[in-house]
Each structure stands twice: as structure tokens, then as C-alpha cells.
Amino acid sequence: MDMLEFGEFNGKYDTRIKGLGLDLLVSEVRNTDLKVLNVAKNIPTVAEVTQREVVLFAADAIPVLGVNGFNVLLEGREQTVNYVRTKNRFTLVLSDESLIGMRRVAQRLMAGALK
């Protein structure tokens, strides 16, 4: 997690990835580099060993935004976001869970088109 930093960059809040020859803002690569198959297929493996750190990273970013006037909506799997303390919590339920797979395919196609 030493290569990730949350803060204000270029006048907006973002996550910076810096290390291993990279210096990127997530907002600039979220629909391209971060959606390609090489990255997407490794997410479950990486998530399995870094889930705690990711949740803590998000939990630390939320108050930074809050004190600067932002309302924060944290998206994620229920079993993950339950570890983030909040007085407000909402759960959205899909009527058809196959939509999740369709969404992922659409994201990958869009990533290819944007490159």
C-alpha cells in the first residue's frame, strides 16, 4: 500500500499509484489500463491478500472527503464494506444477478475501445 496515496491532485481528489515505474492517477486509467484482462483476471488473487489494507485505505479516505464538504457513497460487496464504520448504510439488491457478468463484459469492451 506504500505505492498508493489518496489526496488532492490537479484540483480534484484521486488515488495516485506511484512505484515500480508507474506514476498514475486512478481517474485517468480507471476505464482503460485498470479494465484490461491482464489486470481484471488478477483482481481476485490480489484482493484475497490485500482486502484488509484496501478497506483501511478507503476508510481513511472517507473522512478526508467528508471534512472537505463531500458526501461519500462507498460501493462494494456487503461483506467488505461492513468493515467501514458509518451511521448511514444502504444495500442495493439486483433483481437479476446475471447483470453483474454483463456489466463486467461491457467494461472490458469499453476499455478496449478507449485505448
Foldseek 3Di string as FASTA:
>chain_A
DVQWDWDADPRRTFIFGDDPPDTDTCVVPVLAPCLAPVNVVCVVVVCVVCLVVVLVRVLVVQVVVVVVPDDDDDDDDPVRNVPRDDPDDDDDDDPDPVVVVVVSVVSNVRNVVVD
